[in-house]
Amino acid sequence: MKYLMLITALLIGTVATAQSTPAGATDDIAQNLFAPDLVFKYREAIGLDETQSKTLKDLVQKAQGRFLDLQWDMQAEAGKLAQLLRLPRVDEAAALAQVDKVLGMEREVKKAQISLLIQIKNLLTPAQQQKLIDLRSKSP
């Protein structure tokens, strides 16, 4: 079991590293979006109203369910890949097809994460967004 987890972690980590964007590009994206915990942390400071607060909670709960489903399915597909790689002679076509499944699921996880962050940004007024940017830059 530990071997399976190690293979999966190495594969996903290697692929994620290979596909990752340069640090500057990631920073450009991150600076324009707001994590749910940041909004929750500063909800009073930015004047988050009751409707926004409820909507934010609903968005996060829905996303968490989606993330759990995707993670569960991705683990199962990664397990299948590990089984293929355990064989003395690996069927390259089958292994690569399984890699495609795992990467597709990883893509869906990332897409769901970005979707949540976009929905959160769209929930906030421009003034609230600017206040969060200011508070985030002052945070250690």
Foldseek 3Di string as FASTA:
>chain_A
DVVLVVQLCVLVVVVCVVPPDPPVVVVVLVLQFDDLVLCVVCVVVLVPDPVLVVVLVVLVVVLVVVLVVLVVVLSVLSSVLVVQVPDPDHPVVVNVVSSVVNVVSVVVNVVSVVVSRVVNSVSGDPSSSVSSSVVVVPDD
